Amino acid sequence: MTKTFSWYIQNALSKLKGSNFITTMELDYDTKLGLYYIMKIFNLSFSHCVRGSWEFVMVVKNEDSSSNGLHADEILALPADIKIYNELKAEFESGILPSGAEQTKPKKSSQPFGWLSPTGEFFISEWGTHCTSAENIIKNKNMAKEYEDWELADKRNFVPNDFLCNVKGYVLIHNPSNDGGYVVTQSKPLTKKQREFLYNYFADMGNLGRANMYISDD
């Protein structure tokens, strides 16, 4: 199938016919390109939203994150800039894509869950195995004695996950409800190495909105 300029636009609009948002799981490269053209032609913007483990984007009339997302029919009812439409179409047919478009194409469709140490070392831990993985990390990193002393000192019903997060500054990337998306759980400020890892982790899936949340100010 030949993907024409109008195909990219219609593909993105089709995902907004029954809803006013697109989940990040649906936000593949083709959809991103179509949304880019839609926003340019109709002078629109987008809002990136995170609700726990659920992430989505909405096409909005301005950059106010409180704005309601637009459905496909609402977008098509807006005045289109025909000049911009023709310019973008001509560029597309000449093989010219939006600046940086190729760089935002996802390298991976998904990422594994796991534990991230303060030094940026990542330990893969599949869904439902995080506590066992935490135990293994504590053992293999020679933290068993410190963990035991911590448990005895506090005398509460802790699990290895609490020790790694609250004491050692580890980050857990998981999804408790197993419904898609990624939850980043932390108890301490992220280190530079953790921020770098998380940026690349989400950027590799093409989720630059989430990735940019981890750009350090220092």
C-alpha atoms as a PDB file:
ATOM      1  CA  MET A   1       0.000   0.000   0.000  1.00  0.00           C
ATOM      2  CA  THR A   2       1.298   3.430  -0.963  1.00  0.00           C
ATOM      3  CA  LYS A   3       1.085   5.869   1.906  1.00  0.00           C
ATOM      4  CA  THR A   4       0.153   9.204   0.372  1.00  0.00           C
ATOM      5  CA  PHE A   5       0.075  12.604   2.031  1.00  0.00           C
ATOM      6  CA  SER A   6      -3.693  12.378   2.541  1.00  0.00           C
ATOM      7  CA  TRP A   7      -3.342   8.811   3.874  1.00  0.00           C
ATOM      8  CA  TYR A   8      -1.278  10.021   6.844  1.00  0.00           C
ATOM      9  CA  ILE A   9      -3.870  12.675   7.637  1.00  0.00           C
ATOM     10  CA  GLN A  10      -6.815  10.271   7.334  1.00  0.00           C
ATOM     11  CA  ASN A  11      -4.975   7.655   9.402  1.00  0.00           C
ATOM     12  CA  ALA A  12      -4.572  10.094  12.301  1.00  0.00           C
ATOM     13  CA  LEU A  13      -8.138  11.376  11.983  1.00  0.00           C
ATOM     14  CA  SER A  14      -9.500   7.819  12.048  1.00  0.00           C
ATOM     15  CA  LYS A  15      -8.119   7.430  15.590  1.00  0.00           C
ATOM     16  CA  LEU A  16     -10.061  10.508  16.667  1.00  0.00           C
ATOM     17  CA  LYS A  17     -13.431   9.545  15.207  1.00  0.00           C
ATOM     18  CA  GLY A  18     -14.781   7.845  18.315  1.00  0.00           C
ATOM     19  CA  SER A  19     -12.633   9.613  20.883  1.00  0.00           C
ATOM     20  CA  ASN A  20     -10.954  12.922  21.614  1.00  0.00           C
ATOM     21  CA  PHE A  21      -7.615  11.368  22.558  1.00  0.00           C
ATOM     22  CA  ILE A  22      -5.022   8.884  21.308  1.00  0.00           C
ATOM     23  CA  THR A  23      -3.177   6.659  23.765  1.00  0.00           C
ATOM     24  CA  THR A  24       0.600   6.530  23.548  1.00  0.00           C
ATOM     25  CA  MET A  25       0.286   2.826  22.695  1.00  0.00           C
ATOM     26  CA  GLU A  26      -1.473   3.891  19.466  1.00  0.00           C
ATOM     27  CA  LEU A  27       0.903   6.764  18.787  1.00  0.00           C
ATOM     28  CA  ASP A  28       3.102   5.135  16.190  1.00  0.00           C
ATOM     29  CA  TYR A  29       5.261   6.988  13.661  1.00  0.00           C
ATOM     30  CA  ASP A  30       2.552   7.132  10.978  1.00  0.00           C
ATOM     31  CA  THR A  31       0.061   8.632  13.425  1.00  0.00           C
ATOM     32  CA  LYS A  32       2.577  11.209  14.683  1.00  0.00           C
ATOM     33  CA  LEU A  33       3.297  12.352  11.145  1.00  0.00           C
ATOM     34  CA  GLY A  34      -0.414  12.622  10.380  1.00  0.00           C
ATOM     35  CA  LEU A  35      -1.029  14.613  13.565  1.00  0.00           C
ATOM     36  CA  TYR A  36       1.813  16.958  12.661  1.00  0.00           C
ATOM     37  CA  TYR A  37       0.189  17.735   9.314  1.00  0.00           C
ATOM     38  CA  ILE A  38      -3.239  18.174  10.938  1.00  0.00           C
ATOM     39  CA  MET A  39      -1.904  20.616  13.517  1.00  0.00           C
ATOM     40  CA  LYS A  40      -0.093  22.682  10.875  1.00  0.00           C
ATOM     41  CA  ILE A  41      -3.034  22.776   8.455  1.00  0.00           C
ATOM     42  CA  PHE A  42      -5.654  23.642  11.103  1.00  0.00           C
ATOM     43  CA  ASN A  43      -3.381  25.742  13.354  1.00  0.00           C
ATOM     44  CA  LEU A  44      -3.768  23.437  16.344  1.00  0.00           C
ATOM     45  CA  SER A  45      -1.564  22.152  19.145  1.00  0.00           C
ATOM     46  CA  PHE A  46      -1.535  19.056  21.345  1.00  0.00           C
ATOM     47  CA  SER A  47      -1.656  18.216  25.028  1.00  0.00           C
ATOM     48  CA  HIS A  48       0.299  15.301  26.512  1.00  0.00           C
ATOM     49  CA  CYS A  49      -1.431  13.800  29.576  1.00  0.00           C
ATOM     50  CA  VAL A  50      -0.359  11.225  32.166  1.00  0.00           C
ATOM     51  CA  ARG A  51      -2.925   9.591  34.463  1.00  0.00           C
ATOM     52  CA  GLY A  52      -1.045   7.033  36.552  1.00  0.00           C
ATOM     53  CA  SER A  53       0.000   4.297  34.125  1.00  0.00           C
ATOM     54  CA  TRP A  54      -2.233   5.691  31.371  1.00  0.00           C
ATOM     55  CA  GLU A  55      -0.801   8.177  28.869  1.00  0.00           C
ATOM     56  CA  PHE A  56      -2.490   9.897  25.977  1.00  0.00           C
ATOM     57  CA  VAL A  57      -2.376  12.960  23.741  1.00  0.00           C
ATOM     58  CA  MET A  58      -5.176  15.291  22.676  1.00  0.00           C
ATOM     59  CA  VAL A  59      -5.350  17.694  19.753  1.00  0.00           C
ATOM     60  CA  VAL A  60      -6.374  21.074  21.176  1.00  0.00           C
ATOM     61  CA  LYS A  61      -7.021  24.615  19.978  1.00  0.00           C
ATOM     62  CA  ASN A  62      -4.209  26.017  22.104  1.00  0.00           C
ATOM     63  CA  GLU A  63      -1.441  24.841  24.416  1.00  0.00           C
ATOM     64  CA  ASP A  64      -3.581  25.000  27.566  1.00  0.00           C
ATOM     65  CA  SER A  65      -3.465  21.471  29.010  1.00  0.00           C
ATOM     66  CA  SER A  66      -6.970  21.983  30.410  1.00  0.00           C
ATOM     67  CA  SER A  67      -8.458  22.394  26.931  1.00  0.00           C
ATOM     68  CA  ASN A  68     -10.783  19.716  25.684  1.00  0.00           C
ATOM     69  CA  GLY A  69      -9.417  17.426  23.019  1.00  0.00           C
ATOM     70  CA  LEU A  70     -11.011  17.642  19.587  1.00  0.00           C
ATOM     71  CA  HIS A  71     -12.779  14.821  17.765  1.00  0.00           C
ATOM     72  CA  ALA A  72     -12.125  14.269  14.057  1.00  0.00           C
ATOM     73  CA  ASP A  73     -15.376  15.953  12.979  1.00  0.00           C
ATOM     74  CA  GLU A  74     -14.580  18.997  15.133  1.00  0.00           C
ATOM     75  CA  ILE A  75     -11.161  19.289  13.521  1.00  0.00           C
ATOM     76  CA  LEU A  76     -12.582  19.012  10.002  1.00  0.00           C
ATOM     77  CA  ALA A  77     -15.140  21.736  10.815  1.00  0.00           C
ATOM     78  CA  LEU A  78     -12.317  24.216  11.419  1.00  0.00           C
ATOM     79  CA  PRO A  79     -10.969  26.433   8.624  1.00  0.00           C
ATOM     80  CA  ALA A  80      -8.009  24.824   6.870  1.00  0.00           C
ATOM     81  CA  ASP A  81      -5.017  26.802   5.651  1.00  0.00           C
ATOM     82  CA  ILE A  82      -4.971  25.747   2.011  1.00  0.00           C
ATOM     83  CA  LYS A  83      -1.615  27.416   1.371  1.00  0.00           C
ATOM     84  CA  ILE A  84       0.063  25.422   4.132  1.00  0.00           C
ATOM     85  CA  TYR A  85      -1.731  22.267   2.985  1.00  0.00           C
ATOM     86  CA  ASN A  86      -0.342  22.644  -0.549  1.00  0.00           C
ATOM     87  CA  GLU A  87       3.155  23.467   0.727  1.00  0.00           C
ATOM     88  CA  LEU A  88       3.266  20.426   3.007  1.00  0.00           C
ATOM     89  CA  LYS A  89       1.843  18.197   0.287  1.00  0.00           C
ATOM     90  CA  ALA A  90       4.446  19.401  -2.216  1.00  0.00           C
ATOM     91  CA  GLU A  91       7.253  18.796   0.292  1.00  0.00           C
ATOM     92  CA  PHE A  92       5.937  15.315   1.076  1.00  0.00           C
ATOM     93  CA  GLU A  93       5.735  14.382  -2.601  1.00  0.00           C
ATOM     94  CA  SER A  94       9.308  15.634  -3.027  1.00  0.00           C
ATOM     95  CA  GLY A  95      10.454  13.344  -0.225  1.00  0.00           C
ATOM     96  CA  ILE A  96      10.872  16.143   2.328  1.00  0.00           C
ATOM     97  CA  LEU A  97       9.554  15.217   5.777  1.00  0.00           C
ATOM     98  CA  PRO A  98       9.162  17.585   8.749  1.00  0.00           C
ATOM     99  CA  SER A  99      12.461  18.522  10.393  1.00  0.00           C
ATOM    100  CA  GLY A 100      13.422  15.838  12.902  1.00  0.00           C
ATOM    101  CA  ALA A 101      10.595  13.489  11.869  1.00  0.00           C
ATOM    102  CA  GLU A 102      12.887  10.562  11.180  1.00  0.00           C
ATOM    103  CA  GLN A 103      14.633  11.028  14.502  1.00  0.00           C
ATOM    104  CA  THR A 104      11.337  10.648  16.374  1.00  0.00           C
ATOM    105  CA  LYS A 105      10.512   7.342  14.716  1.00  0.00           C
ATOM    106  CA  PRO A 106      10.398   4.742  17.506  1.00  0.00           C
ATOM    107  CA  LYS A 107      13.352   2.369  17.681  1.00  0.00           C
ATOM    108  CA  LYS A 108      11.360  -0.041  19.846  1.00  0.00           C
ATOM    109  CA  SER A 109       7.666  -0.839  20.172  1.00  0.00           C
ATOM    110  CA  SER A 110       7.990  -1.635  23.875  1.00  0.00           C
ATOM    111  CA  GLN A 111      10.484  -1.794  26.749  1.00  0.00           C
ATOM    112  CA  PRO A 112      10.991  -4.319  29.563  1.00  0.00           C
ATOM    113  CA  PHE A 113      10.042  -3.592  33.150  1.00  0.00           C
ATOM    114  CA  GLY A 114      12.719  -3.615  35.822  1.00  0.00           C
ATOM    115  CA  TRP A 115      14.818  -1.994  38.520  1.00  0.00           C
ATOM    116  CA  LEU A 116      17.083   0.999  37.853  1.00  0.00           C
ATOM    117  CA  SER A 117      19.963   1.675  40.233  1.00  0.00           C
ATOM    118  CA  PRO A 118      21.276   5.165  41.112  1.00  0.00           C
ATOM    119  CA  THR A 119      24.290   4.462  38.880  1.00  0.00           C
ATOM    120  CA  GLY A 120      22.053   3.745  35.874  1.00  0.00           C
ATOM    121  CA  GLU A 121      22.368  -0.044  35.970  1.00  0.00           C
ATOM    122  CA  PHE A 122      19.138  -1.677  34.797  1.00  0.00           C
ATOM    123  CA  PHE A 123      17.878  -5.067  35.961  1.00  0.00           C
ATOM    124  CA  ILE A 124      15.092  -6.528  33.832  1.00  0.00           C
ATOM    125  CA  SER A 125      12.175  -7.818  35.899  1.00  0.00           C
ATOM    126  CA  GLU A 126       9.077  -9.100  34.123  1.00  0.00           C
ATOM    127  CA  TRP A 127       5.592  -8.314  35.366  1.00  0.00           C
ATOM    128  CA  GLY A 128       4.867 -10.003  38.699  1.00  0.00           C
ATOM    129  CA  THR A 129       8.536 -10.692  39.541  1.00  0.00           C
ATOM    130  CA  HIS A 130       9.616  -7.369  41.061  1.00  0.00           C
ATOM    131  CA  CYS A 131       9.835  -8.589  44.663  1.00  0.00           C
ATOM    132  CA  THR A 132      11.874 -11.655  43.696  1.00  0.00           C
ATOM    133  CA  SER A 133      14.138  -9.490  41.538  1.00  0.00           C
ATOM    134  CA  ALA A 134      14.618  -7.090  44.447  1.00  0.00           C
ATOM    135  CA  GLU A 135      15.685  -9.984  46.657  1.00  0.00           C
ATOM    136  CA  ASN A 136      18.222 -11.077  44.038  1.00  0.00           C
ATOM    137  CA  ILE A 137      19.626  -7.570  43.698  1.00  0.00           C
ATOM    138  CA  ILE A 138      20.016  -7.250  47.474  1.00  0.00           C
ATOM    139  CA  LYS A 139      21.820 -10.585  47.588  1.00  0.00           C
ATOM    140  CA  ASN A 140      24.036 -10.073  44.529  1.00  0.00           C
ATOM    141  CA  LYS A 141      24.986  -6.509  45.481  1.00  0.00           C
ATOM    142  CA  ASN A 142      25.988  -7.559  49.014  1.00  0.00           C
ATOM    143  CA  MET A 143      23.224  -5.584  50.702  1.00  0.00           C
ATOM    144  CA  ALA A 144      21.711  -8.492  52.677  1.00  0.00           C
ATOM    145  CA  LYS A 145      23.165  -7.466  56.064  1.00  0.00           C
ATOM    146  CA  GLU A 146      22.102  -3.842  55.620  1.00  0.00           C
ATOM    147  CA  TYR A 147      18.618  -4.993  54.612  1.00  0.00           C
ATOM    148  CA  GLU A 148      18.296  -7.230  57.691  1.00  0.00           C
ATOM    149  CA  ASP A 149      19.477  -4.473  60.019  1.00  0.00           C
ATOM    150  CA  TRP A 150      17.009  -2.048  58.440  1.00  0.00           C
ATOM    151  CA  GLU A 151      14.126  -4.488  58.877  1.00  0.00           C
ATOM    152  CA  LEU A 152      14.997  -5.131  62.545  1.00  0.00           C
ATOM    153  CA  ALA A 153      15.421  -1.437  63.317  1.00  0.00           C
ATOM    154  CA  ASP A 154      12.027  -0.427  61.947  1.00  0.00           C
ATOM    155  CA  LYS A 155      10.051  -3.566  62.857  1.00  0.00           C
ATOM    156  CA  ARG A 156       7.394  -2.987  60.238  1.00  0.00           C
ATOM    157  CA  ASN A 157       6.230  -5.401  57.555  1.00  0.00           C
ATOM    158  CA  PHE A 158       8.544  -4.241  54.798  1.00  0.00           C
ATOM    159  CA  VAL A 159       9.351  -6.009  51.526  1.00  0.00           C
ATOM    160  CA  PRO A 160      12.606  -5.877  49.532  1.00  0.00           C
ATOM    161  CA  ASN A 161      10.998  -3.369  47.145  1.00  0.00           C
ATOM    162  CA  ASP A 162      10.715  -0.823  49.976  1.00  0.00           C
ATOM    163  CA  PHE A 163      14.377  -1.197  50.865  1.00  0.00           C
ATOM    164  CA  LEU A 164      15.590  -0.665  47.300  1.00  0.00           C
ATOM    165  CA  CYS A 165      13.350   2.387  46.768  1.00  0.00           C
ATOM    166  CA  ASN A 166      13.371   4.054  50.180  1.00  0.00           C
ATOM    167  CA  VAL A 167      16.927   3.313  51.311  1.00  0.00           C
ATOM    168  CA  LYS A 168      19.068   2.629  48.252  1.00  0.00           C
ATOM    169  CA  GLY A 169      17.389   5.030  45.813  1.00  0.00           C
ATOM    170  CA  TYR A 170      16.425   2.465  43.165  1.00  0.00           C
ATOM    171  CA  VAL A 171      13.620   3.178  40.696  1.00  0.00           C
ATOM    172  CA  LEU A 172      11.036   0.586  39.685  1.00  0.00           C
ATOM    173  CA  ILE A 173       9.568   0.684  36.165  1.00  0.00           C
ATOM    174  CA  HIS A 174       6.425  -1.424  36.152  1.00  0.00           C
ATOM    175  CA  ASN A 175       2.672  -1.503  35.621  1.00  0.00           C
ATOM    176  CA  PRO A 176       0.753  -2.989  38.585  1.00  0.00           C
ATOM    177  CA  SER A 177      -2.523  -3.263  36.659  1.00  0.00           C
ATOM    178  CA  ASN A 178      -0.831  -4.775  33.581  1.00  0.00           C
ATOM    179  CA  ASP A 179      -3.005  -2.656  31.284  1.00  0.00           C
ATOM    180  CA  GLY A 180      -0.337  -1.085  29.097  1.00  0.00           C
ATOM    181  CA  GLY A 181       1.897   1.894  29.821  1.00  0.00           C
ATOM    182  CA  TYR A 182       4.771   2.358  32.219  1.00  0.00           C
ATOM    183  CA  VAL A 183       4.775   3.501  35.855  1.00  0.00           C
ATOM    184  CA  VAL A 184       8.003   4.941  37.262  1.00  0.00           C
ATOM    185  CA  THR A 185       8.079   4.519  41.067  1.00  0.00           C
ATOM    186  CA  GLN A 186      10.708   6.358  43.087  1.00  0.00           C
ATOM    187  CA  SER A 187      11.179   7.509  46.690  1.00  0.00           C
ATOM    188  CA  LYS A 188      14.334   9.559  46.288  1.00  0.00           C
ATOM    189  CA  PRO A 189      15.341  12.269  43.790  1.00  0.00           C
ATOM    190  CA  LEU A 190      16.581  10.819  40.521  1.00  0.00           C
ATOM    191  CA  THR A 191      20.309  10.804  39.863  1.00  0.00           C
ATOM    192  CA  LYS A 192      21.762  12.097  36.628  1.00  0.00           C
ATOM    193  CA  LYS A 193      22.384   8.518  35.473  1.00  0.00           C
ATOM    194  CA  GLN A 194      18.778   7.563  36.197  1.00  0.00           C
ATOM    195  CA  ARG A 195      17.481  10.589  34.308  1.00  0.00           C
ATOM    196  CA  GLU A 196      19.658   9.749  31.315  1.00  0.00           C
ATOM    197  CA  PHE A 197      18.454   6.153  31.312  1.00  0.00           C
ATOM    198  CA  LEU A 198      14.774   7.118  31.604  1.00  0.00           C
ATOM    199  CA  TYR A 199      15.105   9.695  28.839  1.00  0.00           C
ATOM    200  CA  ASN A 200      16.523   7.096  26.448  1.00  0.00           C
ATOM    201  CA  TYR A 201      14.076   4.449  27.692  1.00  0.00           C
ATOM    202  CA  PHE A 202      11.041   6.478  26.618  1.00  0.00           C
ATOM    203  CA  ALA A 203      12.655   8.221  23.637  1.00  0.00           C
ATOM    204  CA  ASP A 204      13.470   4.848  22.068  1.00  0.00           C
ATOM    205  CA  MET A 205       9.726   4.136  22.009  1.00  0.00           C
ATOM    206  CA  GLY A 206       9.095   7.489  20.348  1.00  0.00           C
ATOM    207  CA  ASN A 207       7.526   8.936  23.512  1.00  0.00           C
ATOM    208  CA  LEU A 208       9.428  12.226  23.568  1.00  0.00           C
ATOM    209  CA  GLY A 209       6.804  13.908  25.745  1.00  0.00           C
ATOM    210  CA  ARG A 210       7.486  11.428  28.550  1.00  0.00           C
ATOM    211  CA  ALA A 211      11.226  11.360  27.810  1.00  0.00           C
ATOM    212  CA  ASN A 212      11.549  15.126  28.167  1.00  0.00           C
ATOM    213  CA  MET A 213      10.210  14.893  31.722  1.00  0.00           C
ATOM    214  CA  TYR A 214      13.586  13.418  32.681  1.00  0.00           C
ATOM    215  CA  ILE A 215      15.847  16.092  31.229  1.00  0.00           C
ATOM    216  CA  SER A 216      17.887  17.383  34.157  1.00  0.00           C
ATOM    217  CA  ASP A 217      18.072  21.084  34.927  1.00  0.00           C
ATOM    218  CA  ASP A 218      21.610  20.765  36.289  1.00  0.00           C
END
